[in-house]
Amino acid sequence: MNKRIKFSIGIIFVLIGIIIMGYLFRLDRFGSSKISWVDCIKINNSIYYSSYVREIVEGTLIDEKIGEVRFNISEKVTNDRYRFRNGDATFLKEKTEIYSLKSEDKAIAVKIDDKYYIYNTYP
């Protein structure tokens, strides 16, 4: 066989090997990655989580406004080492209002479309 043909076949095998190794060792770990977020918010140095299906809170249980969402992480962050700051939320829109609850100190409420939804801390 011609030397050029042998060389071309060798290059093809090397490329196939690189593709297989990339798949087996998931080389994407070292580049950008897809992040799976949990619905949560950080306020007053505590992180509060929503249940899988958001629970509505009665308006009579709402106390006072304690802040607003300042930054939406899921829309803007691609670095999995990002650290939450006060006012950060994963899925809530910026400017979403955050309220304390009258009878609960381990939970807060957020106002979405004139309804209040509960977010809880978990020990």
PDB file of N, CA and C in Angstrom:
ATOM      1  N   MET A   1       0.830  -1.183   0.000  1.00  0.00           N
ATOM      2  CA  MET A   1       0.000   0.000   0.000  1.00  0.00           C
ATOM      3  C   MET A   1       0.874   1.246   0.000  1.00  0.00           C
ATOM      4  N   ASN A   2       0.299   2.250  -0.497  1.00  0.00           N
ATOM      5  CA  ASN A   2       0.966   3.529  -0.583  1.00  0.00           C
ATOM      6  C   ASN A   2       1.174   4.101   0.824  1.00  0.00           C
ATOM      7  N   LYS A   3       2.284   4.794   1.061  1.00  0.00           N
ATOM      8  CA  LYS A   3       2.579   5.370   2.376  1.00  0.00           C
ATOM      9  C   LYS A   3       1.531   6.402   2.785  1.00  0.00           C
ATOM     10  N   ARG A   4       1.035   7.170   1.826  1.00  0.00           N
ATOM     11  CA  ARG A   4       0.016   8.177   2.141  1.00  0.00           C
ATOM     12  C   ARG A   4      -1.274   7.520   2.628  1.00  0.00           C
ATOM     13  N   ILE A   5      -1.664   6.433   2.029  1.00  0.00           N
ATOM     14  CA  ILE A   5      -2.883   5.738   2.434  1.00  0.00           C
ATOM     15  C   ILE A   5      -2.710   5.177   3.843  1.00  0.00           C
ATOM     16  N   LYS A   6      -1.555   4.567   4.120  1.00  0.00           N
ATOM     17  CA  LYS A   6      -1.285   4.047   5.463  1.00  0.00           C
ATOM     18  C   LYS A   6      -1.309   5.174   6.498  1.00  0.00           C
ATOM     19  N   PHE A   7      -0.708   6.294   6.142  1.00  0.00           N
ATOM     20  CA  PHE A   7      -0.687   7.441   7.050  1.00  0.00           C
ATOM     21  C   PHE A   7      -2.109   7.946   7.307  1.00  0.00           C
ATOM     22  N   SER A   8      -2.924   8.060   6.273  1.00  0.00           N
ATOM     23  CA  SER A   8      -4.315   8.527   6.403  1.00  0.00           C
ATOM     24  C   SER A   8      -5.133   7.579   7.271  1.00  0.00           C
ATOM     25  N   ILE A   9      -4.960   6.275   7.072  1.00  0.00           N
ATOM     26  CA  ILE A   9      -5.674   5.293   7.886  1.00  0.00           C
ATOM     27  C   ILE A   9      -5.236   5.410   9.347  1.00  0.00           C
ATOM     28  N   GLY A  10      -3.960   5.623   9.587  1.00  0.00           N
ATOM     29  CA  GLY A  10      -3.454   5.809  10.949  1.00  0.00           C
ATOM     30  C   GLY A  10      -4.070   7.030  11.617  1.00  0.00           C
ATOM     31  N   ILE A  11      -4.156   8.127  10.890  1.00  0.00           N
ATOM     32  CA  ILE A  11      -4.764   9.353  11.424  1.00  0.00           C
ATOM     33  C   ILE A  11      -6.231   9.114  11.766  1.00  0.00           C
ATOM     34  N   ILE A  12      -6.952   8.419  10.906  1.00  0.00           N
ATOM     35  CA  ILE A  12      -8.365   8.125  11.142  1.00  0.00           C
ATOM     36  C   ILE A  12      -8.528   7.308  12.419  1.00  0.00           C
ATOM     37  N   PHE A  13      -7.683   6.290  12.614  1.00  0.00           N
ATOM     38  CA  PHE A  13      -7.765   5.478  13.832  1.00  0.00           C
ATOM     39  C   PHE A  13      -7.446   6.302  15.084  1.00  0.00           C
ATOM     40  N   VAL A  14      -6.486   7.192  14.994  1.00  0.00           N
ATOM     41  CA  VAL A  14      -6.153   8.052  16.130  1.00  0.00           C
ATOM     42  C   VAL A  14      -7.339   8.960  16.469  1.00  0.00           C
ATOM     43  N   LEU A  15      -7.970   9.551  15.458  1.00  0.00           N
ATOM     44  CA  LEU A  15      -9.127  10.415  15.696  1.00  0.00           C
ATOM     45  C   LEU A  15     -10.288   9.640  16.308  1.00  0.00           C
ATOM     46  N   ILE A  16     -10.537   8.440  15.814  1.00  0.00           N
ATOM     47  CA  ILE A  16     -11.596   7.603  16.387  1.00  0.00           C
ATOM     48  C   ILE A  16     -11.272   7.283  17.848  1.00  0.00           C
ATOM     49  N   GLY A  17     -10.021   6.990  18.133  1.00  0.00           N
ATOM     50  CA  GLY A  17      -9.601   6.720  19.511  1.00  0.00           C
ATOM     51  C   GLY A  17      -9.811   7.922  20.417  1.00  0.00           C
ATOM     52  N   ILE A  18      -9.492   9.111  19.929  1.00  0.00           N
ATOM     53  CA  ILE A  18      -9.689  10.332  20.721  1.00  0.00           C
ATOM     54  C   ILE A  18     -11.168  10.555  21.005  1.00  0.00           C
ATOM     55  N   ILE A  19     -12.011  10.339  20.011  1.00  0.00           N
ATOM     56  CA  ILE A  19     -13.456  10.507  20.201  1.00  0.00           C
ATOM     57  C   ILE A  19     -13.976   9.520  21.241  1.00  0.00           C
ATOM     58  N   ILE A  20     -13.555   8.270  21.144  1.00  0.00           N
ATOM     59  CA  ILE A  20     -13.995   7.250  22.109  1.00  0.00           C
ATOM     60  C   ILE A  20     -13.492   7.588  23.512  1.00  0.00           C
ATOM     61  N   MET A  21     -12.244   7.998  23.639  1.00  0.00           N
ATOM     62  CA  MET A  21     -11.693   8.354  24.951  1.00  0.00           C
ATOM     63  C   MET A  21     -12.417   9.570  25.534  1.00  0.00           C
ATOM     64  N   GLY A  22     -12.729  10.542  24.691  1.00  0.00           N
ATOM     65  CA  GLY A  22     -13.471  11.713  25.153  1.00  0.00           C
ATOM     66  C   GLY A  22     -14.825  11.326  25.703  1.00  0.00           C
ATOM     67  N   TYR A  23     -15.480  10.400  25.053  1.00  0.00           N
ATOM     68  CA  TYR A  23     -16.786   9.939  25.532  1.00  0.00           C
ATOM     69  C   TYR A  23     -16.636   9.160  26.838  1.00  0.00           C
ATOM     70  N   LEU A  24     -15.668   8.249  26.886  1.00  0.00           N
ATOM     71  CA  LEU A  24     -15.496   7.412  28.070  1.00  0.00           C
ATOM     72  C   LEU A  24     -15.087   8.216  29.299  1.00  0.00           C
ATOM     73  N   PHE A  25     -14.229   9.201  29.124  1.00  0.00           N
ATOM     74  CA  PHE A  25     -13.716   9.959  30.259  1.00  0.00           C
ATOM     75  C   PHE A  25     -14.417  11.300  30.454  1.00  0.00           C
ATOM     76  N   ARG A  26     -15.434  11.558  29.671  1.00  0.00           N
ATOM     77  CA  ARG A  26     -16.248  12.774  29.809  1.00  0.00           C
ATOM     78  C   ARG A  26     -15.374  14.016  29.926  1.00  0.00           C
ATOM     79  N   LEU A  27     -14.676  14.324  28.880  1.00  0.00           N
ATOM     80  CA  LEU A  27     -13.772  15.463  28.904  1.00  0.00           C
ATOM     81  C   LEU A  27     -14.497  16.789  29.118  1.00  0.00           C
ATOM     82  N   ASP A  28     -15.822  16.793  29.006  1.00  0.00           N
ATOM     83  CA  ASP A  28     -16.565  18.027  29.230  1.00  0.00           C
ATOM     84  C   ASP A  28     -16.510  18.470  30.692  1.00  0.00           C
ATOM     85  N   ARG A  29     -16.013  17.616  31.586  1.00  0.00           N
ATOM     86  CA  ARG A  29     -15.851  18.003  32.992  1.00  0.00           C
ATOM     87  C   ARG A  29     -14.956  19.221  33.126  1.00  0.00           C
ATOM     88  N   PHE A  30     -14.029  19.350  32.219  1.00  0.00           N
ATOM     89  CA  PHE A  30     -13.036  20.400  32.326  1.00  0.00           C
ATOM     90  C   PHE A  30     -13.455  21.680  31.619  1.00  0.00           C
ATOM     91  N   GLY A  31     -14.554  21.637  30.911  1.00  0.00           N
ATOM     92  CA  GLY A  31     -15.066  22.816  30.223  1.00  0.00           C
ATOM     93  C   GLY A  31     -16.341  23.269  30.889  1.00  0.00           C
ATOM     94  N   SER A  32     -17.236  23.811  30.087  1.00  0.00           N
ATOM     95  CA  SER A  32     -18.517  24.233  30.648  1.00  0.00           C
ATOM     96  C   SER A  32     -19.360  23.000  30.933  1.00  0.00           C
ATOM     97  N   SER A  33     -20.224  23.111  31.912  1.00  0.00           N
ATOM     98  CA  SER A  33     -21.055  21.974  32.279  1.00  0.00           C
ATOM     99  C   SER A  33     -22.490  22.435  32.473  1.00  0.00           C
ATOM    100  N   LYS A  34     -23.401  21.490  32.410  1.00  0.00           N
ATOM    101  CA  LYS A  34     -24.806  21.792  32.641  1.00  0.00           C
ATOM    102  C   LYS A  34     -25.060  21.672  34.136  1.00  0.00           C
ATOM    103  N   ILE A  35     -25.668  22.697  34.703  1.00  0.00           N
ATOM    104  CA  ILE A  35     -25.912  22.733  36.138  1.00  0.00           C
ATOM    105  C   ILE A  35     -27.390  22.476  36.394  1.00  0.00           C
ATOM    106  N   SER A  36     -27.674  21.598  37.340  1.00  0.00           N
ATOM    107  CA  SER A  36     -29.059  21.351  37.755  1.00  0.00           C
ATOM    108  C   SER A  36     -29.320  22.159  39.019  1.00  0.00           C
ATOM    109  N   TRP A  37     -30.257  23.090  38.941  1.00  0.00           N
ATOM    110  CA  TRP A  37     -30.547  23.962  40.069  1.00  0.00           C
ATOM    111  C   TRP A  37     -31.745  23.467  40.864  1.00  0.00           C
ATOM    112  N   VAL A  38     -31.773  23.797  42.136  1.00  0.00           N
ATOM    113  CA  VAL A  38     -32.904  23.566  43.029  1.00  0.00           C
ATOM    114  C   VAL A  38     -33.550  24.930  43.253  1.00  0.00           C
ATOM    115  N   ASP A  39     -34.875  24.974  43.366  1.00  0.00           N
ATOM    116  CA  ASP A  39     -35.582  26.241  43.562  1.00  0.00           C
ATOM    117  C   ASP A  39     -35.322  26.751  44.976  1.00  0.00           C
ATOM    118  N   CYS A  40     -34.466  27.758  45.093  1.00  0.00           N
ATOM    119  CA  CYS A  40     -34.126  28.300  46.406  1.00  0.00           C
ATOM    120  C   CYS A  40     -33.794  29.780  46.307  1.00  0.00           C
ATOM    121  N   ILE A  41     -33.677  30.388  47.466  1.00  0.00           N
ATOM    122  CA  ILE A  41     -33.370  31.813  47.569  1.00  0.00           C
ATOM    123  C   ILE A  41     -32.537  32.034  48.826  1.00  0.00           C
ATOM    124  N   LYS A  42     -31.594  32.982  48.766  1.00  0.00           N
ATOM    125  CA  LYS A  42     -30.796  33.314  49.951  1.00  0.00           C
ATOM    126  C   LYS A  42     -31.158  34.723  50.399  1.00  0.00           C
ATOM    127  N   ILE A  43     -31.528  34.830  51.658  1.00  0.00           N
ATOM    128  CA  ILE A  43     -31.857  36.128  52.247  1.00  0.00           C
ATOM    129  C   ILE A  43     -31.420  36.104  53.713  1.00  0.00           C
ATOM    130  N   ASN A  44     -30.833  37.185  54.181  1.00  0.00           N
ATOM    131  CA  ASN A  44     -30.351  37.294  55.569  1.00  0.00           C
ATOM    132  C   ASN A  44     -29.440  36.127  55.946  1.00  0.00           C
ATOM    133  N   ASN A  45     -28.564  35.755  55.037  1.00  0.00           N
ATOM    134  CA  ASN A  45     -27.569  34.693  55.226  1.00  0.00           C
ATOM    135  C   ASN A  45     -28.157  33.305  55.447  1.00  0.00           C
ATOM    136  N   SER A  46     -29.408  33.101  55.098  1.00  0.00           N
ATOM    137  CA  SER A  46     -30.045  31.781  55.176  1.00  0.00           C
ATOM    138  C   SER A  46     -30.574  31.409  53.797  1.00  0.00           C
ATOM    139  N   ILE A  47     -30.532  30.122  53.496  1.00  0.00           N
ATOM    140  CA  ILE A  47     -31.064  29.644  52.222  1.00  0.00           C
ATOM    141  C   ILE A  47     -32.410  28.980  52.482  1.00  0.00           C
ATOM    142  N   TYR A  48     -33.389  29.351  51.689  1.00  0.00           N
ATOM    143  CA  TYR A  48     -34.757  28.842  51.795  1.00  0.00           C
ATOM    144  C   TYR A  48     -35.100  28.104  50.506  1.00  0.00           C
ATOM    145  N   TYR A  49     -35.800  26.989  50.645  1.00  0.00           N
ATOM    146  CA  TYR A  49     -36.122  26.126  49.511  1.00  0.00           C
ATOM    147  C   TYR A  49     -37.628  26.016  49.315  1.00  0.00           C
ATOM    148  N   SER A  50     -38.021  25.928  48.061  1.00  0.00           N
ATOM    149  CA  SER A  50     -39.422  25.683  47.737  1.00  0.00           C
ATOM    150  C   SER A  50     -39.617  24.184  47.590  1.00  0.00           C
ATOM    151  N   SER A  51     -40.822  23.716  47.882  1.00  0.00           N
ATOM    152  CA  SER A  51     -41.115  22.304  47.630  1.00  0.00           C
ATOM    153  C   SER A  51     -41.255  22.106  46.122  1.00  0.00           C
ATOM    154  N   TYR A  52     -41.309  20.860  45.699  1.00  0.00           N
ATOM    155  CA  TYR A  52     -41.382  20.548  44.268  1.00  0.00           C
ATOM    156  C   TYR A  52     -42.556  21.267  43.616  1.00  0.00           C
ATOM    157  N   VAL A  53     -43.685  21.261  44.287  1.00  0.00           N
ATOM    158  CA  VAL A  53     -44.853  22.033  43.850  1.00  0.00           C
ATOM    159  C   VAL A  53     -45.004  23.167  44.859  1.00  0.00           C
ATOM    160  N   ARG A  54     -44.925  24.397  44.400  1.00  0.00           N
ATOM    161  CA  ARG A  54     -44.985  25.539  45.318  1.00  0.00           C
ATOM    162  C   ARG A  54     -46.283  25.556  46.118  1.00  0.00           C
ATOM    163  N   GLU A  55     -46.130  25.806  47.423  1.00  0.00           N
ATOM    164  CA  GLU A  55     -47.284  25.862  48.326  1.00  0.00           C
ATOM    165  C   GLU A  55     -47.711  27.309  48.534  1.00  0.00           C
ATOM    166  N   ILE A  56     -48.998  27.566  48.384  1.00  0.00           N
ATOM    167  CA  ILE A  56     -49.542  28.910  48.569  1.00  0.00           C
ATOM    168  C   ILE A  56     -49.710  29.190  50.062  1.00  0.00           C
ATOM    169  N   VAL A  57     -49.398  30.429  50.463  1.00  0.00           N
ATOM    170  CA  VAL A  57     -49.540  30.873  51.845  1.00  0.00           C
ATOM    171  C   VAL A  57     -50.675  31.899  51.894  1.00  0.00           C
ATOM    172  N   GLU A  58     -51.500  31.813  52.915  1.00  0.00           N
ATOM    173  CA  GLU A  58     -52.590  32.778  53.100  1.00  0.00           C
ATOM    174  C   GLU A  58     -52.012  34.170  53.355  1.00  0.00           C
ATOM    175  N   GLY A  59     -52.629  35.179  52.798  1.00  0.00           N
ATOM    176  CA  GLY A  59     -52.177  36.557  52.973  1.00  0.00           C
ATOM    177  C   GLY A  59     -52.180  37.017  54.416  1.00  0.00           C
ATOM    178  N   THR A  60     -53.026  36.419  55.247  1.00  0.00           N
ATOM    179  CA  THR A  60     -53.099  36.801  56.663  1.00  0.00           C
ATOM    180  C   THR A  60     -51.849  36.381  57.442  1.00  0.00           C
ATOM    181  N   LEU A  61     -51.071  35.454  56.899  1.00  0.00           N
ATOM    182  CA  LEU A  61     -49.854  34.991  57.570  1.00  0.00           C
ATOM    183  C   LEU A  61     -48.623  35.818  57.203  1.00  0.00           C
ATOM    184  N   ILE A  62     -48.769  36.709  56.228  1.00  0.00           N
ATOM    185  CA  ILE A  62     -47.644  37.516  55.765  1.00  0.00           C
ATOM    186  C   ILE A  62     -47.378  38.638  56.758  1.00  0.00           C
ATOM    187  N   ASP A  63     -46.087  38.825  57.093  1.00  0.00           N
ATOM    188  CA  ASP A  63     -45.716  39.866  58.052  1.00  0.00           C
ATOM    189  C   ASP A  63     -45.237  41.114  57.310  1.00  0.00           C
ATOM    190  N   GLU A  64     -43.938  41.243  57.097  1.00  0.00           N
ATOM    191  CA  GLU A  64     -43.413  42.444  56.446  1.00  0.00           C
ATOM    192  C   GLU A  64     -42.429  42.083  55.346  1.00  0.00           C
ATOM    193  N   LYS A  65     -42.257  43.008  54.430  1.00  0.00           N
ATOM    194  CA  LYS A  65     -41.310  42.808  53.330  1.00  0.00           C
ATOM    195  C   LYS A  65     -39.893  42.876  53.885  1.00  0.00           C
ATOM    196  N   ILE A  66     -39.082  41.860  53.557  1.00  0.00           N
ATOM    197  CA  ILE A  66     -37.709  41.826  54.064  1.00  0.00           C
ATOM    198  C   ILE A  66     -36.677  41.952  52.951  1.00  0.00           C
ATOM    199  N   GLY A  67     -37.136  42.016  51.710  1.00  0.00           N
ATOM    200  CA  GLY A  67     -36.191  42.180  50.616  1.00  0.00           C
ATOM    201  C   GLY A  67     -36.789  41.840  49.272  1.00  0.00           C
ATOM    202  N   GLU A  68     -35.911  41.820  48.269  1.00  0.00           N
ATOM    203  CA  GLU A  68     -36.278  41.463  46.901  1.00  0.00           C
ATOM    204  C   GLU A  68     -35.182  40.595  46.306  1.00  0.00           C
ATOM    205  N   VAL A  69     -35.551  39.826  45.310  1.00  0.00           N
ATOM    206  CA  VAL A  69     -34.552  39.058  44.567  1.00  0.00           C
ATOM    207  C   VAL A  69     -33.721  40.053  43.763  1.00  0.00           C
ATOM    208  N   ARG A  70     -32.403  39.953  43.903  1.00  0.00           N
ATOM    209  CA  ARG A  70     -31.518  40.863  43.184  1.00  0.00           C
ATOM    210  C   ARG A  70     -30.842  40.218  41.982  1.00  0.00           C
ATOM    211  N   PHE A  71     -30.780  38.869  41.994  1.00  0.00           N
ATOM    212  CA  PHE A  71     -30.024  38.193  40.935  1.00  0.00           C
ATOM    213  C   PHE A  71     -30.619  36.824  40.681  1.00  0.00           C
ATOM    214  N   ASN A  72     -30.884  36.509  39.409  1.00  0.00           N
ATOM    215  CA  ASN A  72     -31.407  35.197  39.021  1.00  0.00           C
ATOM    216  C   ASN A  72     -30.241  34.344  38.542  1.00  0.00           C
ATOM    217  N   ILE A  73     -29.925  33.319  39.281  1.00  0.00           N
ATOM    218  CA  ILE A  73     -28.748  32.506  39.002  1.00  0.00           C
ATOM    219  C   ILE A  73     -28.917  31.618  37.778  1.00  0.00           C
ATOM    220  N   SER A  74     -30.061  30.952  37.651  1.00  0.00           N
ATOM    221  CA  SER A  74     -30.226  29.969  36.572  1.00  0.00           C
ATOM    222  C   SER A  74     -30.143  30.599  35.186  1.00  0.00           C
ATOM    223  N   GLU A  75     -30.440  31.883  35.072  1.00  0.00           N
ATOM    224  CA  GLU A  75     -30.376  32.550  33.772  1.00  0.00           C
ATOM    225  C   GLU A  75     -29.000  33.121  33.464  1.00  0.00           C
ATOM    226  N   LYS A  76     -28.162  33.302  34.496  1.00  0.00           N
ATOM    227  CA  LYS A  76     -26.918  34.039  34.276  1.00  0.00           C
ATOM    228  C   LYS A  76     -25.640  33.306  34.664  1.00  0.00           C
ATOM    229  N   VAL A  77     -25.739  32.246  35.453  1.00  0.00           N
ATOM    230  CA  VAL A  77     -24.534  31.590  35.971  1.00  0.00           C
ATOM    231  C   VAL A  77     -24.309  30.254  35.279  1.00  0.00           C
ATOM    232  N   THR A  78     -23.083  30.029  34.806  1.00  0.00           N
ATOM    233  CA  THR A  78     -22.711  28.742  34.212  1.00  0.00           C
ATOM    234  C   THR A  78     -21.568  28.082  34.975  1.00  0.00           C
ATOM    235  N   ASN A  79     -21.023  28.765  35.957  1.00  0.00           N
ATOM    236  CA  ASN A  79     -19.926  28.237  36.758  1.00  0.00           C
ATOM    237  C   ASN A  79     -20.498  27.494  37.961  1.00  0.00           C
ATOM    238  N   ASP A  80     -20.245  26.183  38.049  1.00  0.00           N
ATOM    239  CA  ASP A  80     -20.808  25.390  39.145  1.00  0.00           C
ATOM    240  C   ASP A  80     -20.160  25.690  40.500  1.00  0.00           C
ATOM    241  N   ARG A  81     -19.168  26.549  40.533  1.00  0.00           N
ATOM    242  CA  ARG A  81     -18.540  26.941  41.798  1.00  0.00           C
ATOM    243  C   ARG A  81     -19.076  28.270  42.328  1.00  0.00           C
ATOM    244  N   TYR A  82     -20.073  28.803  41.667  1.00  0.00           N
ATOM    245  CA  TYR A  82     -20.662  30.075  42.095  1.00  0.00           C
ATOM    246  C   TYR A  82     -21.205  29.937  43.513  1.00  0.00           C
ATOM    247  N   ARG A  83     -20.999  30.959  44.330  1.00  0.00           N
ATOM    248  CA  ARG A  83     -21.496  30.951  45.710  1.00  0.00           C
ATOM    249  C   ARG A  83     -22.659  31.927  45.841  1.00  0.00           C
ATOM    250  N   PHE A  84     -23.723  31.453  46.468  1.00  0.00           N
ATOM    251  CA  PHE A  84     -24.917  32.274  46.669  1.00  0.00           C
ATOM    252  C   PHE A  84     -24.603  33.501  47.513  1.00  0.00           C
ATOM    253  N   ARG A  85     -25.238  34.599  47.153  1.00  0.00           N
ATOM    254  CA  ARG A  85     -25.160  35.828  47.940  1.00  0.00           C
ATOM    255  C   ARG A  85     -26.570  36.203  48.374  1.00  0.00           C
ATOM    256  N   ASN A  86     -26.677  37.041  49.372  1.00  0.00           N
ATOM    257  CA  ASN A  86     -27.997  37.510  49.801  1.00  0.00           C
ATOM    258  C   ASN A  86     -28.712  38.174  48.628  1.00  0.00           C
ATOM    259  N   GLY A  87     -29.957  37.775  48.418  1.00  0.00           N
ATOM    260  CA  GLY A  87     -30.742  38.310  47.312  1.00  0.00           C
ATOM    261  C   GLY A  87     -30.703  37.449  46.065  1.00  0.00           C
ATOM    262  N   ASP A  88     -29.878  36.401  46.066  1.00  0.00           N
ATOM    263  CA  ASP A  88     -29.804  35.484  44.921  1.00  0.00           C
ATOM    264  C   ASP A  88     -30.932  34.466  44.974  1.00  0.00           C
ATOM    265  N   ALA A  89     -31.466  34.128  43.813  1.00  0.00           N
ATOM    266  CA  ALA A  89     -32.480  33.077  43.700  1.00  0.00           C
ATOM    267  C   ALA A  89     -32.195  32.277  42.441  1.00  0.00           C
ATOM    268  N   THR A  90     -32.561  31.012  42.465  1.00  0.00           N
ATOM    269  CA  THR A  90     -32.294  30.192  41.287  1.00  0.00           C
ATOM    270  C   THR A  90     -33.301  30.422  40.182  1.00  0.00           C
ATOM    271  N   PHE A  91     -34.586  30.450  40.496  1.00  0.00           N
ATOM    272  CA  PHE A  91     -35.599  30.562  39.448  1.00  0.00           C
ATOM    273  C   PHE A  91     -36.477  31.801  39.546  1.00  0.00           C
ATOM    274  N   LEU A  92     -36.512  32.455  40.679  1.00  0.00           N
ATOM    275  CA  LEU A  92     -37.365  33.637  40.833  1.00  0.00           C
ATOM    276  C   LEU A  92     -36.797  34.808  40.044  1.00  0.00           C
ATOM    277  N   LYS A  93     -37.682  35.606  39.488  1.00  0.00           N
ATOM    278  CA  LYS A  93     -37.265  36.769  38.707  1.00  0.00           C
ATOM    279  C   LYS A  93     -36.719  37.852  39.630  1.00  0.00           C
ATOM    280  N   GLU A  94     -35.815  38.660  39.083  1.00  0.00           N
ATOM    281  CA  GLU A  94     -35.309  39.803  39.831  1.00  0.00           C
ATOM    282  C   GLU A  94     -36.474  40.718  40.178  1.00  0.00           C
ATOM    283  N   LYS A  95     -36.401  41.354  41.331  1.00  0.00           N
ATOM    284  CA  LYS A  95     -37.432  42.250  41.876  1.00  0.00           C
ATOM    285  C   LYS A  95     -38.605  41.504  42.516  1.00  0.00           C
ATOM    286  N   THR A  96     -38.571  40.150  42.556  1.00  0.00           N
ATOM    287  CA  THR A  96     -39.617  39.409  43.268  1.00  0.00           C
ATOM    288  C   THR A  96     -39.527  39.769  44.747  1.00  0.00           C
ATOM    289  N   GLU A  97     -40.648  40.127  45.341  1.00  0.00           N
ATOM    290  CA  GLU A  97     -40.668  40.566  46.738  1.00  0.00           C
ATOM    291  C   GLU A  97     -40.625  39.377  47.698  1.00  0.00           C
ATOM    292  N   ILE A  98     -39.883  39.564  48.799  1.00  0.00           N
ATOM    293  CA  ILE A  98     -39.703  38.523  49.811  1.00  0.00           C
ATOM    294  C   ILE A  98     -40.273  39.038  51.132  1.00  0.00           C
ATOM    295  N   TYR A  99     -41.052  38.189  51.815  1.00  0.00           N
ATOM    296  CA  TYR A  99     -41.730  38.583  53.048  1.00  0.00           C
ATOM    297  C   TYR A  99     -41.428  37.600  54.175  1.00  0.00           C
ATOM    298  N   SER A 100     -41.426  38.131  55.396  1.00  0.00           N
ATOM    299  CA  SER A 100     -41.362  37.259  56.573  1.00  0.00           C
ATOM    300  C   SER A 100     -42.780  36.790  56.880  1.00  0.00           C
ATOM    301  N   LEU A 101     -42.867  35.735  57.686  1.00  0.00           N
ATOM    302  CA  LEU A 101     -44.169  35.204  58.095  1.00  0.00           C
ATOM    303  C   LEU A 101     -44.386  35.501  59.578  1.00  0.00           C
ATOM    304  N   LYS A 102     -45.611  35.753  59.961  1.00  0.00           N
ATOM    305  CA  LYS A 102     -45.928  36.117  61.348  1.00  0.00           C
ATOM    306  C   LYS A 102     -45.626  35.000  62.337  1.00  0.00           C
ATOM    307  N   SER A 103     -45.931  33.784  61.986  1.00  0.00           N
ATOM    308  CA  SER A 103     -45.835  32.689  62.957  1.00  0.00           C
ATOM    309  C   SER A 103     -44.674  31.734  62.694  1.00  0.00           C
ATOM    310  N   GLU A 104     -43.855  32.021  61.723  1.00  0.00           N
ATOM    311  CA  GLU A 104     -42.819  31.059  61.329  1.00  0.00           C
ATOM    312  C   GLU A 104     -41.500  31.785  61.113  1.00  0.00           C
ATOM    313  N   ASP A 105     -40.457  31.379  61.868  1.00  0.00           N
ATOM    314  CA  ASP A 105     -39.159  32.021  61.674  1.00  0.00           C
ATOM    315  C   ASP A 105     -38.220  31.203  60.788  1.00  0.00           C
ATOM    316  N   LYS A 106     -38.608  29.992  60.426  1.00  0.00           N
ATOM    317  CA  LYS A 106     -37.779  29.165  59.551  1.00  0.00           C
ATOM    318  C   LYS A 106     -38.348  29.091  58.140  1.00  0.00           C
ATOM    319  N   ALA A 107     -39.184  30.065  57.809  1.00  0.00           N
ATOM    320  CA  ALA A 107     -39.773  30.107  56.471  1.00  0.00           C
ATOM    321  C   ALA A 107     -39.992  31.557  56.064  1.00  0.00           C
ATOM    322  N   ILE A 108     -40.049  31.777  54.763  1.00  0.00           N
ATOM    323  CA  ILE A 108     -40.365  33.087  54.200  1.00  0.00           C
ATOM    324  C   ILE A 108     -41.413  32.885  53.116  1.00  0.00           C
ATOM    325  N   ALA A 109     -41.925  33.980  52.608  1.00  0.00           N
ATOM    326  CA  ALA A 109     -42.873  33.914  51.498  1.00  0.00           C
ATOM    327  C   ALA A 109     -42.377  34.826  50.384  1.00  0.00           C
ATOM    328  N   VAL A 110     -42.662  34.441  49.148  1.00  0.00           N
ATOM    329  CA  VAL A 110     -42.364  35.292  48.000  1.00  0.00           C
ATOM    330  C   VAL A 110     -43.679  35.600  47.297  1.00  0.00           C
ATOM    331  N   LYS A 111     -43.745  36.783  46.725  1.00  0.00           N
ATOM    332  CA  LYS A 111     -44.974  37.209  46.059  1.00  0.00           C
ATOM    333  C   LYS A 111     -44.802  37.066  44.550  1.00  0.00           C
ATOM    334  N   ILE A 112     -45.662  36.215  43.965  1.00  0.00           N
ATOM    335  CA  ILE A 112     -45.649  35.991  42.521  1.00  0.00           C
ATOM    336  C   ILE A 112     -47.083  36.135  42.026  1.00  0.00           C
ATOM    337  N   ASP A 113     -47.310  37.083  41.135  1.00  0.00           N
ATOM    338  CA  ASP A 113     -48.649  37.305  40.565  1.00  0.00           C
ATOM    339  C   ASP A 113     -49.722  37.437  41.646  1.00  0.00           C
ATOM    340  N   ASP A 114     -49.471  38.275  42.635  1.00  0.00           N
ATOM    341  CA  ASP A 114     -50.421  38.558  43.725  1.00  0.00           C
ATOM    342  C   ASP A 114     -50.756  37.349  44.597  1.00  0.00           C
ATOM    343  N   LYS A 115     -49.923  36.319  44.563  1.00  0.00           N
ATOM    344  CA  LYS A 115     -50.063  35.173  45.464  1.00  0.00           C
ATOM    345  C   LYS A 115     -48.751  35.018  46.223  1.00  0.00           C
ATOM    346  N   TYR A 116     -48.846  34.465  47.429  1.00  0.00           N
ATOM    347  CA  TYR A 116     -47.670  34.254  48.259  1.00  0.00           C
ATOM    348  C   TYR A 116     -47.349  32.760  48.309  1.00  0.00           C
ATOM    349  N   TYR A 117     -46.061  32.443  48.140  1.00  0.00           N
ATOM    350  CA  TYR A 117     -45.607  31.055  48.160  1.00  0.00           C
ATOM    351  C   TYR A 117     -44.542  30.901  49.232  1.00  0.00           C
ATOM    352  N   ILE A 118     -44.567  29.767  49.918  1.00  0.00           N
ATOM    353  CA  ILE A 118     -43.663  29.541  51.044  1.00  0.00           C
ATOM    354  C   ILE A 118     -42.345  28.916  50.587  1.00  0.00           C
ATOM    355  N   TYR A 119     -41.268  29.349  51.228  1.00  0.00           N
ATOM    356  CA  TYR A 119     -39.931  28.773  51.080  1.00  0.00           C
ATOM    357  C   TYR A 119     -39.446  28.469  52.490  1.00  0.00           C
ATOM    358  N   ASN A 120     -38.929  27.264  52.715  1.00  0.00           N
ATOM    359  CA  ASN A 120     -38.510  26.813  54.051  1.00  0.00           C
ATOM    360  C   ASN A 120     -37.005  26.597  54.118  1.00  0.00           C
ATOM    361  N   THR A 121     -36.458  26.743  55.327  1.00  0.00           N
ATOM    362  CA  THR A 121     -35.078  26.320  55.558  1.00  0.00           C
ATOM    363  C   THR A 121     -35.126  24.859  55.960  1.00  0.00           C
ATOM    364  N   TYR A 122     -34.054  24.164  55.696  1.00  0.00           N
ATOM    365  CA  TYR A 122     -33.954  22.767  56.123  1.00  0.00           C
ATOM    366  C   TYR A 122     -32.679  22.630  56.914  1.00  0.00           C
ATOM    367  N   PRO A 123     -32.776  22.107  58.146  1.00  0.00           N
ATOM    368  CA  PRO A 123     -31.583  21.999  59.003  1.00  0.00           C
ATOM    369  C   PRO A 123     -30.538  21.074  58.443  1.00  0.00           C
TER     370      PRO A 123
END
